ModelCIF file with pLDDT and N, C-alpha, C, O atoms, coordinates in Angstrom:
data_MODEL
#
_entry.id   MODEL 
#
_entity.id                         1 
_entity.type                       polymer 
_entity.pdbx_number_of_molecules   1 
#
_entity_poly.entity_id                      1 
_entity_poly.type                           'polypeptide(L)' 
_entity_poly.nstd_linkage                   no 
_entity_poly.nstd_monomer                   no 
_entity_poly.pdbx_seq_one_letter_code       YPAMGSYYRVLAGEKHAEGVEGLNASLILFDEVHVQKSR 
_entity_poly.pdbx_seq_one_letter_code_can   YPAMGSYYRVLAGEKHAEGVEGLNASLILFDEVHVQKSR 
_entity_poly.pdbx_strand_id                 A 
#
loop_
_entity_poly_seq.entity_id 
_entity_poly_seq.num 
_entity_poly_seq.mon_id 
_entity_poly_seq.hetero 
1 1  TYR n 
1 2  PRO n 
1 3  ALA n 
1 4  MET n 
1 5  GLY n 
1 6  SER n 
1 7  TYR n 
1 8  TYR n 
1 9  ARG n 
1 10 VAL n 
1 11 LEU n 
1 12 ALA n 
1 13 GLY n 
1 14 GLU n 
1 15 LYS n 
1 16 HIS n 
1 17 ALA n 
1 18 GLU n 
1 19 GLY n 
1 20 VAL n 
1 21 GLU n 
1 22 GLY n 
1 23 LEU n 
1 24 ASN n 
1 25 ALA n 
1 26 SER n 
1 27 LEU n 
1 28 ILE n 
1 29 LEU n 
1 30 PHE n 
1 31 ASP n 
1 32 GLU n 
1 33 VAL n 
1 34 HIS n 
1 35 VAL n 
1 36 GLN n 
1 37 LYS n 
1 38 SER n 
1 39 ARG n 
#
_struct_asym.id          A 
_struct_asym.entity_id   1 
#
loop_
_ma_qa_metric.id 
_ma_qa_metric.mode 
_ma_qa_metric.name 
_ma_qa_metric.software_group_id 
_ma_qa_metric.type 
1 global pLDDT . pLDDT 
2 local  pLDDT . pLDDT 
#
_ma_qa_metric_global.metric_id      1 
_ma_qa_metric_global.metric_value   80.38 
_ma_qa_metric_global.model_id       1 
_ma_qa_metric_global.ordinal_id     1 
#
loop_
_ma_qa_metric_local.label_asym_id 
_ma_qa_metric_local.label_comp_id 
_ma_qa_metric_local.label_seq_id 
_ma_qa_metric_local.metric_id 
_ma_qa_metric_local.metric_value 
_ma_qa_metric_local.model_id 
_ma_qa_metric_local.ordinal_id 
A TYR 1  2 97.00 1 1  
A PRO 2  2 97.00 1 2  
A ALA 3  2 97.00 1 3  
A MET 4  2 97.00 1 4  
A GLY 5  2 97.00 1 5  
A SER 6  2 97.00 1 6  
A TYR 7  2 97.00 1 7  
A TYR 8  2 96.00 1 8  
A ARG 9  2 94.00 1 9  
A VAL 10 2 92.00 1 10 
A LEU 11 2 88.00 1 11 
A ALA 12 2 81.00 1 12 
A GLY 13 2 67.00 1 13 
A GLU 14 2 60.00 1 14 
A LYS 15 2 61.00 1 15 
A HIS 16 2 55.00 1 16 
A ALA 17 2 52.00 1 17 
A GLU 18 2 57.00 1 18 
A GLY 19 2 54.00 1 19 
A VAL 20 2 64.00 1 20 
A GLU 21 2 66.00 1 21 
A GLY 22 2 72.00 1 22 
A LEU 23 2 84.00 1 23 
A ASN 24 2 89.00 1 24 
A ALA 25 2 93.00 1 25 
A SER 26 2 95.00 1 26 
A LEU 27 2 96.00 1 27 
A ILE 28 2 94.00 1 28 
A LEU 29 2 94.00 1 29 
A PHE 30 2 89.00 1 30 
A ASP 31 2 85.00 1 31 
A GLU 32 2 79.00 1 32 
A VAL 33 2 75.00 1 33 
A HIS 34 2 73.00 1 34 
A VAL 35 2 70.00 1 35 
A GLN 36 2 70.00 1 36 
A LYS 37 2 66.00 1 37 
A SER 38 2 68.00 1 38 
A ARG 39 2 77.00 1 39 
#
loop_
_atom_site.group_PDB 
_atom_site.id 
_atom_site.type_symbol 
_atom_site.label_atom_id 
_atom_site.label_alt_id 
_atom_site.label_comp_id 
_atom_site.label_asym_id 
_atom_site.label_entity_id 
_atom_site.label_seq_id 
_atom_site.pdbx_PDB_ins_code 
_atom_site.Cartn_x 
_atom_site.Cartn_y 
_atom_site.Cartn_z 
_atom_site.occupancy 
_atom_site.B_iso_or_equiv 
_atom_site.pdbx_formal_charge 
_atom_site.auth_seq_id 
_atom_site.auth_comp_id 
_atom_site.auth_asym_id 
_atom_site.auth_atom_id 
_atom_site.pdbx_PDB_model_num 
ATOM 1   N N  . TYR A 1 1  ? 15.217  -5.316 0.449  1.00 97.00 ? 1  TYR A N  1 
ATOM 2   C CA . TYR A 1 1  ? 16.992  -5.502 -0.390 1.00 97.00 ? 1  TYR A CA 1 
ATOM 3   C C  . TYR A 1 1  ? 17.984  -4.416 -0.196 1.00 97.00 ? 1  TYR A C  1 
ATOM 4   O O  . TYR A 1 1  ? 18.237  -3.254 -0.513 1.00 97.00 ? 1  TYR A O  1 
ATOM 5   N N  . PRO A 1 2  ? 18.468  -5.567 0.593  1.00 97.00 ? 2  PRO A N  1 
ATOM 6   C CA . PRO A 1 2  ? 19.934  -3.783 1.027  1.00 97.00 ? 2  PRO A CA 1 
ATOM 7   C C  . PRO A 1 2  ? 20.743  -3.357 0.772  1.00 97.00 ? 2  PRO A C  1 
ATOM 8   O O  . PRO A 1 2  ? 21.519  -2.692 1.459  1.00 97.00 ? 2  PRO A O  1 
ATOM 9   N N  . ALA A 1 3  ? 20.773  -3.597 -0.172 1.00 97.00 ? 3  ALA A N  1 
ATOM 10  C CA . ALA A 1 3  ? 22.258  -3.178 -1.173 1.00 97.00 ? 3  ALA A CA 1 
ATOM 11  C C  . ALA A 1 3  ? 21.985  -2.367 -2.156 1.00 97.00 ? 3  ALA A C  1 
ATOM 12  O O  . ALA A 1 3  ? 22.790  -1.734 -2.840 1.00 97.00 ? 3  ALA A O  1 
ATOM 13  N N  . MET A 1 4  ? 20.202  -2.398 -2.264 1.00 97.00 ? 4  MET A N  1 
ATOM 14  C CA . MET A 1 4  ? 19.915  -0.970 -3.130 1.00 97.00 ? 4  MET A CA 1 
ATOM 15  C C  . MET A 1 4  ? 18.448  -0.921 -2.368 1.00 97.00 ? 4  MET A C  1 
ATOM 16  O O  . MET A 1 4  ? 17.410  -1.020 -3.023 1.00 97.00 ? 4  MET A O  1 
ATOM 17  N N  . GLY A 1 5  ? 18.445  -0.736 -0.721 1.00 97.00 ? 5  GLY A N  1 
ATOM 18  C CA . GLY A 1 5  ? 17.840  0.284  0.124  1.00 97.00 ? 5  GLY A CA 1 
ATOM 19  C C  . GLY A 1 5  ? 15.824  0.286  -0.384 1.00 97.00 ? 5  GLY A C  1 
ATOM 20  O O  . GLY A 1 5  ? 14.847  1.032  -0.449 1.00 97.00 ? 5  GLY A O  1 
ATOM 21  N N  . SER A 1 6  ? 16.236  -1.049 -0.606 1.00 97.00 ? 6  SER A N  1 
ATOM 22  C CA . SER A 1 6  ? 14.117  -1.296 -1.475 1.00 97.00 ? 6  SER A CA 1 
ATOM 23  C C  . SER A 1 6  ? 13.551  -1.656 -0.726 1.00 97.00 ? 6  SER A C  1 
ATOM 24  O O  . SER A 1 6  ? 14.214  -1.792 0.302  1.00 97.00 ? 6  SER A O  1 
ATOM 25  N N  . TYR A 1 7  ? 12.414  -1.970 -0.620 1.00 97.00 ? 7  TYR A N  1 
ATOM 26  C CA . TYR A 1 7  ? 11.085  -2.678 0.237  1.00 97.00 ? 7  TYR A CA 1 
ATOM 27  C C  . TYR A 1 7  ? 10.316  -3.181 -0.300 1.00 97.00 ? 7  TYR A C  1 
ATOM 28  O O  . TYR A 1 7  ? 10.287  -2.715 -1.439 1.00 97.00 ? 7  TYR A O  1 
ATOM 29  N N  . TYR A 1 8  ? 9.091   -4.450 -0.075 1.00 96.00 ? 8  TYR A N  1 
ATOM 30  C CA . TYR A 1 8  ? 8.076   -4.250 -0.406 1.00 96.00 ? 8  TYR A CA 1 
ATOM 31  C C  . TYR A 1 8  ? 7.659   -4.022 1.104  1.00 96.00 ? 8  TYR A C  1 
ATOM 32  O O  . TYR A 1 8  ? 8.408   -4.121 2.076  1.00 96.00 ? 8  TYR A O  1 
ATOM 33  N N  . ARG A 1 9  ? 6.332   -3.702 1.104  1.00 94.00 ? 9  ARG A N  1 
ATOM 34  C CA . ARG A 1 9  ? 5.766   -3.821 2.045  1.00 94.00 ? 9  ARG A CA 1 
ATOM 35  C C  . ARG A 1 9  ? 4.551   -3.961 2.507  1.00 94.00 ? 9  ARG A C  1 
ATOM 36  O O  . ARG A 1 9  ? 3.863   -3.707 1.518  1.00 94.00 ? 9  ARG A O  1 
ATOM 37  N N  . VAL A 1 10 ? 3.472   -4.327 3.822  1.00 92.00 ? 10 VAL A N  1 
ATOM 38  C CA . VAL A 1 10 ? 1.928   -4.476 3.988  1.00 92.00 ? 10 VAL A CA 1 
ATOM 39  C C  . VAL A 1 10 ? 0.724   -3.641 3.765  1.00 92.00 ? 10 VAL A C  1 
ATOM 40  O O  . VAL A 1 10 ? 0.219   -3.252 4.818  1.00 92.00 ? 10 VAL A O  1 
ATOM 41  N N  . LEU A 1 11 ? 0.277   -3.356 2.952  1.00 88.00 ? 11 LEU A N  1 
ATOM 42  C CA . LEU A 1 11 ? -0.825  -2.464 3.670  1.00 88.00 ? 11 LEU A CA 1 
ATOM 43  C C  . LEU A 1 11 ? -1.980  -2.328 3.790  1.00 88.00 ? 11 LEU A C  1 
ATOM 44  O O  . LEU A 1 11 ? -2.419  -1.994 2.689  1.00 88.00 ? 11 LEU A O  1 
ATOM 45  N N  . ALA A 1 12 ? -2.884  -2.405 4.627  1.00 81.00 ? 12 ALA A N  1 
ATOM 46  C CA . ALA A 1 12 ? -4.970  -2.503 4.977  1.00 81.00 ? 12 ALA A CA 1 
ATOM 47  C C  . ALA A 1 12 ? -5.132  -1.573 4.905  1.00 81.00 ? 12 ALA A C  1 
ATOM 48  O O  . ALA A 1 12 ? -4.586  -0.727 5.613  1.00 81.00 ? 12 ALA A O  1 
ATOM 49  N N  . GLY A 1 13 ? -5.965  -1.346 4.003  1.00 67.00 ? 13 GLY A N  1 
ATOM 50  C CA . GLY A 1 13 ? -7.292  -0.154 4.229  1.00 67.00 ? 13 GLY A CA 1 
ATOM 51  C C  . GLY A 1 13 ? -8.379  -0.770 5.542  1.00 67.00 ? 13 GLY A C  1 
ATOM 52  O O  . GLY A 1 13 ? -9.528  -0.333 5.469  1.00 67.00 ? 13 GLY A O  1 
ATOM 53  N N  . GLU A 1 14 ? -8.161  -1.490 6.408  1.00 60.00 ? 14 GLU A N  1 
ATOM 54  C CA . GLU A 1 14 ? -8.357  -1.263 7.941  1.00 60.00 ? 14 GLU A CA 1 
ATOM 55  C C  . GLU A 1 14 ? -7.456  -0.916 8.683  1.00 60.00 ? 14 GLU A C  1 
ATOM 56  O O  . GLU A 1 14 ? -7.319  -1.874 9.444  1.00 60.00 ? 14 GLU A O  1 
ATOM 57  N N  . LYS A 1 15 ? -6.849  -0.265 8.915  1.00 61.00 ? 15 LYS A N  1 
ATOM 58  C CA . LYS A 1 15 ? -5.603  0.720  9.385  1.00 61.00 ? 15 LYS A CA 1 
ATOM 59  C C  . LYS A 1 15 ? -5.100  1.812  8.825  1.00 61.00 ? 15 LYS A C  1 
ATOM 60  O O  . LYS A 1 15 ? -4.325  2.591  9.380  1.00 61.00 ? 15 LYS A O  1 
ATOM 61  N N  . HIS A 1 16 ? -5.639  1.922  7.416  1.00 55.00 ? 16 HIS A N  1 
ATOM 62  C CA . HIS A 1 16 ? -5.695  3.067  6.739  1.00 55.00 ? 16 HIS A CA 1 
ATOM 63  C C  . HIS A 1 16 ? -6.755  3.381  5.818  1.00 55.00 ? 16 HIS A C  1 
ATOM 64  O O  . HIS A 1 16 ? -6.815  3.440  4.590  1.00 55.00 ? 16 HIS A O  1 
ATOM 65  N N  . ALA A 1 17 ? -7.760  3.605  6.965  1.00 52.00 ? 17 ALA A N  1 
ATOM 66  C CA . ALA A 1 17 ? -8.659  3.792  6.575  1.00 52.00 ? 17 ALA A CA 1 
ATOM 67  C C  . ALA A 1 17 ? -8.854  5.554  6.070  1.00 52.00 ? 17 ALA A C  1 
ATOM 68  O O  . ALA A 1 17 ? -9.663  5.851  5.191  1.00 52.00 ? 17 ALA A O  1 
ATOM 69  N N  . GLU A 1 18 ? -8.006  6.585  6.758  1.00 57.00 ? 18 GLU A N  1 
ATOM 70  C CA . GLU A 1 18 ? -8.005  8.064  6.178  1.00 57.00 ? 18 GLU A CA 1 
ATOM 71  C C  . GLU A 1 18 ? -7.372  8.503  4.993  1.00 57.00 ? 18 GLU A C  1 
ATOM 72  O O  . GLU A 1 18 ? -7.344  9.666  4.590  1.00 57.00 ? 18 GLU A O  1 
ATOM 73  N N  . GLY A 1 19 ? -6.665  7.122  4.247  1.00 54.00 ? 19 GLY A N  1 
ATOM 74  C CA . GLY A 1 19 ? -5.619  7.484  3.188  1.00 54.00 ? 19 GLY A CA 1 
ATOM 75  C C  . GLY A 1 19 ? -3.682  7.104  4.068  1.00 54.00 ? 19 GLY A C  1 
ATOM 76  O O  . GLY A 1 19 ? -3.012  6.983  5.093  1.00 54.00 ? 19 GLY A O  1 
ATOM 77  N N  . VAL A 1 20 ? -3.732  7.094  2.758  1.00 64.00 ? 20 VAL A N  1 
ATOM 78  C CA . VAL A 1 20 ? -2.164  7.287  2.878  1.00 64.00 ? 20 VAL A CA 1 
ATOM 79  C C  . VAL A 1 20 ? -1.674  8.572  2.143  1.00 64.00 ? 20 VAL A C  1 
ATOM 80  O O  . VAL A 1 20 ? -2.309  9.156  1.265  1.00 64.00 ? 20 VAL A O  1 
ATOM 81  N N  . GLU A 1 21 ? -0.546  8.901  2.593  1.00 66.00 ? 21 GLU A N  1 
ATOM 82  C CA . GLU A 1 21 ? 0.111   10.022 2.692  1.00 66.00 ? 21 GLU A CA 1 
ATOM 83  C C  . GLU A 1 21 ? 1.261   9.790  2.817  1.00 66.00 ? 21 GLU A C  1 
ATOM 84  O O  . GLU A 1 21 ? 1.646   8.888  3.560  1.00 66.00 ? 21 GLU A O  1 
ATOM 85  N N  . GLY A 1 22 ? 2.392   10.837 1.855  1.00 72.00 ? 22 GLY A N  1 
ATOM 86  C CA . GLY A 1 22 ? 3.371   10.493 1.958  1.00 72.00 ? 22 GLY A CA 1 
ATOM 87  C C  . GLY A 1 22 ? 4.335   9.291  0.741  1.00 72.00 ? 22 GLY A C  1 
ATOM 88  O O  . GLY A 1 22 ? 5.416   9.433  0.171  1.00 72.00 ? 22 GLY A O  1 
ATOM 89  N N  . LEU A 1 23 ? 3.296   8.125  0.740  1.00 84.00 ? 23 LEU A N  1 
ATOM 90  C CA . LEU A 1 23 ? 3.910   7.259  0.035  1.00 84.00 ? 23 LEU A CA 1 
ATOM 91  C C  . LEU A 1 23 ? 4.946   7.922  -1.417 1.00 84.00 ? 23 LEU A C  1 
ATOM 92  O O  . LEU A 1 23 ? 4.962   9.065  -1.873 1.00 84.00 ? 23 LEU A O  1 
ATOM 93  N N  . ASN A 1 24 ? 5.738   6.678  -1.858 1.00 89.00 ? 24 ASN A N  1 
ATOM 94  C CA . ASN A 1 24 ? 6.541   7.079  -3.111 1.00 89.00 ? 24 ASN A CA 1 
ATOM 95  C C  . ASN A 1 24 ? 6.300   6.114  -3.184 1.00 89.00 ? 24 ASN A C  1 
ATOM 96  O O  . ASN A 1 24 ? 6.746   5.495  -2.218 1.00 89.00 ? 24 ASN A O  1 
ATOM 97  N N  . ALA A 1 25 ? 5.591   5.300  -4.099 1.00 93.00 ? 25 ALA A N  1 
ATOM 98  C CA . ALA A 1 25 ? 5.656   4.209  -4.913 1.00 93.00 ? 25 ALA A CA 1 
ATOM 99  C C  . ALA A 1 25 ? 6.054   3.865  -5.419 1.00 93.00 ? 25 ALA A C  1 
ATOM 100 O O  . ALA A 1 25 ? 6.627   4.791  -5.993 1.00 93.00 ? 25 ALA A O  1 
ATOM 101 N N  . SER A 1 26 ? 6.432   2.730  -5.988 1.00 95.00 ? 26 SER A N  1 
ATOM 102 C CA . SER A 1 26 ? 7.236   2.263  -7.032 1.00 95.00 ? 26 SER A CA 1 
ATOM 103 C C  . SER A 1 26 ? 5.898   1.570  -8.136 1.00 95.00 ? 26 SER A C  1 
ATOM 104 O O  . SER A 1 26 ? 5.390   2.033  -9.157 1.00 95.00 ? 26 SER A O  1 
ATOM 105 N N  . LEU A 1 27 ? 5.635   0.191  -7.324 1.00 96.00 ? 27 LEU A N  1 
ATOM 106 C CA . LEU A 1 27 ? 4.864   -0.731 -7.770 1.00 96.00 ? 27 LEU A CA 1 
ATOM 107 C C  . LEU A 1 27 ? 3.551   -0.802 -6.270 1.00 96.00 ? 27 LEU A C  1 
ATOM 108 O O  . LEU A 1 27 ? 3.808   -1.164 -5.122 1.00 96.00 ? 27 LEU A O  1 
ATOM 109 N N  . ILE A 1 28 ? 2.368   -0.391 -6.739 1.00 94.00 ? 28 ILE A N  1 
ATOM 110 C CA . ILE A 1 28 ? 1.154   -1.031 -5.554 1.00 94.00 ? 28 ILE A CA 1 
ATOM 111 C C  . ILE A 1 28 ? 0.616   -2.118 -6.238 1.00 94.00 ? 28 ILE A C  1 
ATOM 112 O O  . ILE A 1 28 ? 0.337   -1.952 -7.425 1.00 94.00 ? 28 ILE A O  1 
ATOM 113 N N  . LEU A 1 29 ? 0.402   -3.284 -5.673 1.00 94.00 ? 29 LEU A N  1 
ATOM 114 C CA . LEU A 1 29 ? -0.367  -4.347 -5.654 1.00 94.00 ? 29 LEU A CA 1 
ATOM 115 C C  . LEU A 1 29 ? -1.237  -4.996 -5.041 1.00 94.00 ? 29 LEU A C  1 
ATOM 116 O O  . LEU A 1 29 ? -1.077  -5.974 -4.310 1.00 94.00 ? 29 LEU A O  1 
ATOM 117 N N  . PHE A 1 30 ? -3.231  -3.869 -5.647 1.00 89.00 ? 30 PHE A N  1 
ATOM 118 C CA . PHE A 1 30 ? -3.840  -3.474 -4.434 1.00 89.00 ? 30 PHE A CA 1 
ATOM 119 C C  . PHE A 1 30 ? -5.020  -5.275 -5.064 1.00 89.00 ? 30 PHE A C  1 
ATOM 120 O O  . PHE A 1 30 ? -5.527  -5.408 -6.177 1.00 89.00 ? 30 PHE A O  1 
ATOM 121 N N  . ASP A 1 31 ? -5.073  -6.026 -4.211 1.00 85.00 ? 31 ASP A N  1 
ATOM 122 C CA . ASP A 1 31 ? -5.850  -7.268 -3.881 1.00 85.00 ? 31 ASP A CA 1 
ATOM 123 C C  . ASP A 1 31 ? -7.315  -7.488 -3.724 1.00 85.00 ? 31 ASP A C  1 
ATOM 124 O O  . ASP A 1 31 ? -7.848  -6.984 -2.736 1.00 85.00 ? 31 ASP A O  1 
ATOM 125 N N  . GLU A 1 32 ? -7.925  -8.063 -4.432 1.00 79.00 ? 32 GLU A N  1 
ATOM 126 C CA . GLU A 1 32 ? -9.078  -8.083 -4.360 1.00 79.00 ? 32 GLU A CA 1 
ATOM 127 C C  . GLU A 1 32 ? -9.848  -6.522 -4.009 1.00 79.00 ? 32 GLU A C  1 
ATOM 128 O O  . GLU A 1 32 ? -10.553 -6.250 -3.037 1.00 79.00 ? 32 GLU A O  1 
ATOM 129 N N  . VAL A 1 33 ? -9.505  -5.766 -4.982 1.00 75.00 ? 33 VAL A N  1 
ATOM 130 C CA . VAL A 1 33 ? -10.245 -4.615 -5.076 1.00 75.00 ? 33 VAL A CA 1 
ATOM 131 C C  . VAL A 1 33 ? -12.009 -4.387 -5.017 1.00 75.00 ? 33 VAL A C  1 
ATOM 132 O O  . VAL A 1 33 ? -12.648 -3.338 -4.935 1.00 75.00 ? 33 VAL A O  1 
ATOM 133 N N  . HIS A 1 34 ? -12.418 -5.627 -5.084 1.00 73.00 ? 34 HIS A N  1 
ATOM 134 C CA . HIS A 1 34 ? -13.417 -5.814 -5.847 1.00 73.00 ? 34 HIS A CA 1 
ATOM 135 C C  . HIS A 1 34 ? -14.690 -5.817 -3.650 1.00 73.00 ? 34 HIS A C  1 
ATOM 136 O O  . HIS A 1 34 ? -15.878 -5.674 -3.358 1.00 73.00 ? 34 HIS A O  1 
ATOM 137 N N  . VAL A 1 35 ? -13.679 -6.012 -3.029 1.00 70.00 ? 35 VAL A N  1 
ATOM 138 C CA . VAL A 1 35 ? -14.256 -5.860 -2.065 1.00 70.00 ? 35 VAL A CA 1 
ATOM 139 C C  . VAL A 1 35 ? -14.399 -4.256 -1.056 1.00 70.00 ? 35 VAL A C  1 
ATOM 140 O O  . VAL A 1 35 ? -15.169 -4.042 -0.120 1.00 70.00 ? 35 VAL A O  1 
ATOM 141 N N  . GLN A 1 36 ? -13.221 -3.198 -1.747 1.00 70.00 ? 36 GLN A N  1 
ATOM 142 C CA . GLN A 1 36 ? -12.805 -2.503 -0.844 1.00 70.00 ? 36 GLN A CA 1 
ATOM 143 C C  . GLN A 1 36 ? -14.417 -1.486 -1.032 1.00 70.00 ? 36 GLN A C  1 
ATOM 144 O O  . GLN A 1 36 ? -15.114 -1.344 -2.038 1.00 70.00 ? 36 GLN A O  1 
ATOM 145 N N  . LYS A 1 37 ? -14.554 -1.049 0.043  1.00 66.00 ? 37 LYS A N  1 
ATOM 146 C CA . LYS A 1 37 ? -15.858 -0.230 0.689  1.00 66.00 ? 37 LYS A CA 1 
ATOM 147 C C  . LYS A 1 37 ? -15.932 1.137  0.037  1.00 66.00 ? 37 LYS A C  1 
ATOM 148 O O  . LYS A 1 37 ? -16.645 1.302  -0.953 1.00 66.00 ? 37 LYS A O  1 
ATOM 149 N N  . SER A 1 38 ? -15.267 2.054  0.524  1.00 68.00 ? 38 SER A N  1 
ATOM 150 C CA . SER A 1 38 ? -14.819 3.580  0.711  1.00 68.00 ? 38 SER A CA 1 
ATOM 151 C C  . SER A 1 38 ? -13.674 3.812  -0.548 1.00 68.00 ? 38 SER A C  1 
ATOM 152 O O  . SER A 1 38 ? -12.863 2.886  -0.542 1.00 68.00 ? 38 SER A O  1 
ATOM 153 N N  . ARG A 1 39 ? -13.454 4.660  -1.453 1.00 77.00 ? 39 ARG A N  1 
ATOM 154 C CA . ARG A 1 39 ? -13.032 4.690  -2.148 1.00 77.00 ? 39 ARG A CA 1 
ATOM 155 C C  . ARG A 1 39 ? -11.904 5.304  -1.369 1.00 77.00 ? 39 ARG A C  1 
ATOM 156 O O  . ARG A 1 39 ? -10.857 5.612  -1.937 1.00 77.00 ? 39 ARG A O  1 
#
């Protein structure tokens, strides 16, 4: 949303296995959470 400096982006556990640092999230939509093996 260029006028507001906002965005939606995708995160995947396979690429962020060590966790995600520095996010300042308004909303996180975590899909199929039951298949996530690690906390």
